[in-house]
């Protein structure tokens, strides 16, 4: 390889560029954290109920 020829690159659309942006997962994580904080009491009871059901089912 001499490095004189370049590989042609196709232009990408705006949507694909936005979806593959590294900031998108961080924003989704932040939204998830805020959603979890807003419904923390429900999630707490769901976890307690799941653990209780797991214990009472004889799996432990």
C-alpha atoms as a PDB file:
ATOM      1  CA  UNK A   1       0.000   0.000   0.000  1.00  0.00           C
ATOM      2  CA  UNK A   2       1.372   3.288  -1.014  1.00  0.00           C
ATOM      3  CA  UNK A   3      -1.306   5.411   0.617  1.00  0.00           C
ATOM      4  CA  UNK A   4      -1.886   7.565  -2.461  1.00  0.00           C
ATOM      5  CA  UNK A   5      -5.423   6.348  -3.193  1.00  0.00           C
ATOM      6  CA  UNK A   6      -8.242   7.178  -0.842  1.00  0.00           C
ATOM      7  CA  UNK A   7     -11.278   5.039  -0.271  1.00  0.00           C
ATOM      8  CA  UNK A   8     -14.457   6.842  -1.327  1.00  0.00           C
ATOM      9  CA  UNK A   9     -16.763   7.663   1.567  1.00  0.00           C
ATOM     10  CA  UNK A  10     -20.513   8.011   1.170  1.00  0.00           C
ATOM     11  CA  UNK A  11     -22.134  10.998   2.829  1.00  0.00           C
ATOM     12  CA  UNK A  12     -24.401  10.081   5.733  1.00  0.00           C
ATOM     13  CA  UNK A  13     -27.807  11.527   6.398  1.00  0.00           C
ATOM     14  CA  UNK A  14     -28.669  13.813   9.263  1.00  0.00           C
ATOM     15  CA  UNK A  15     -30.698  11.160  11.103  1.00  0.00           C
ATOM     16  CA  UNK A  16     -27.916   8.579  10.996  1.00  0.00           C
ATOM     17  CA  UNK A  17     -25.375  11.129  12.145  1.00  0.00           C
ATOM     18  CA  UNK A  18     -27.616  12.101  15.092  1.00  0.00           C
ATOM     19  CA  UNK A  19     -28.353   8.489  16.086  1.00  0.00           C
ATOM     20  CA  UNK A  20     -24.673   7.493  16.059  1.00  0.00           C
ATOM     21  CA  UNK A  21     -23.580  10.545  18.030  1.00  0.00           C
ATOM     22  CA  UNK A  22     -21.758   9.541  21.242  1.00  0.00           C
ATOM     23  CA  UNK A  23     -23.888  11.974  23.231  1.00  0.00           C
ATOM     24  CA  UNK A  24     -27.115  10.027  22.564  1.00  0.00           C
ATOM     25  CA  UNK A  25     -26.441   7.157  25.044  1.00  0.00           C
ATOM     26  CA  UNK A  26     -25.516   9.677  27.729  1.00  0.00           C
ATOM     27  CA  UNK A  27     -28.764  11.569  27.177  1.00  0.00           C
ATOM     28  CA  UNK A  28     -30.801   8.352  27.262  1.00  0.00           C
ATOM     29  CA  UNK A  29     -29.077   7.335  30.478  1.00  0.00           C
ATOM     30  CA  UNK A  30     -29.822  10.729  32.042  1.00  0.00           C
ATOM     31  CA  UNK A  31     -33.497  10.447  31.073  1.00  0.00           C
ATOM     32  CA  UNK A  32     -33.601   6.942  32.561  1.00  0.00           C
ATOM     33  CA  UNK A  33     -32.074   8.152  35.797  1.00  0.00           C
ATOM     34  CA  UNK A  34     -34.605  10.966  36.067  1.00  0.00           C
ATOM     35  CA  UNK A  35     -37.457   8.565  35.338  1.00  0.00           C
ATOM     36  CA  UNK A  36     -36.175   6.159  37.971  1.00  0.00           C
ATOM     37  CA  UNK A  37     -35.847   8.932  40.529  1.00  0.00           C
ATOM     38  CA  UNK A  38     -39.399  10.065  39.826  1.00  0.00           C
ATOM     39  CA  UNK A  39     -40.839   6.581  40.305  1.00  0.00           C
ATOM     40  CA  UNK A  40     -38.452   5.311  42.981  1.00  0.00           C
ATOM     41  CA  UNK A  41     -41.164   4.321  45.430  1.00  0.00           C
ATOM     42  CA  UNK A  42     -42.851   2.111  42.837  1.00  0.00           C
ATOM     43  CA  UNK A  43     -39.566   0.470  41.895  1.00  0.00           C
ATOM     44  CA  UNK A  44     -38.770  -0.159  45.559  1.00  0.00           C
ATOM     45  CA  UNK A  45     -42.027  -2.032  46.096  1.00  0.00           C
ATOM     46  CA  UNK A  46     -41.543  -3.925  42.835  1.00  0.00           C
ATOM     47  CA  UNK A  47     -38.115  -5.151  43.921  1.00  0.00           C
ATOM     48  CA  UNK A  48     -39.375  -6.101  47.377  1.00  0.00           C
ATOM     49  CA  UNK A  49     -42.302  -7.975  45.830  1.00  0.00           C
ATOM     50  CA  UNK A  50     -40.058  -9.789  43.385  1.00  0.00           C
ATOM     51  CA  UNK A  51     -37.646 -10.855  46.111  1.00  0.00           C
ATOM     52  CA  UNK A  52     -40.533 -11.989  48.318  1.00  0.00           C
ATOM     53  CA  UNK A  53     -42.042 -14.029  45.511  1.00  0.00           C
ATOM     54  CA  UNK A  54     -38.664 -15.564  44.746  1.00  0.00           C
ATOM     55  CA  UNK A  55     -38.214 -16.508  48.402  1.00  0.00           C
ATOM     56  CA  UNK A  56     -41.725 -17.917  48.835  1.00  0.00           C
ATOM     57  CA  UNK A  57     -41.535 -19.962  45.650  1.00  0.00           C
ATOM     58  CA  UNK A  58     -38.909 -22.219  47.204  1.00  0.00           C
ATOM     59  CA  UNK A  59     -36.141 -21.086  44.862  1.00  0.00           C
ATOM     60  CA  UNK A  60     -33.916 -20.114  47.755  1.00  0.00           C
END
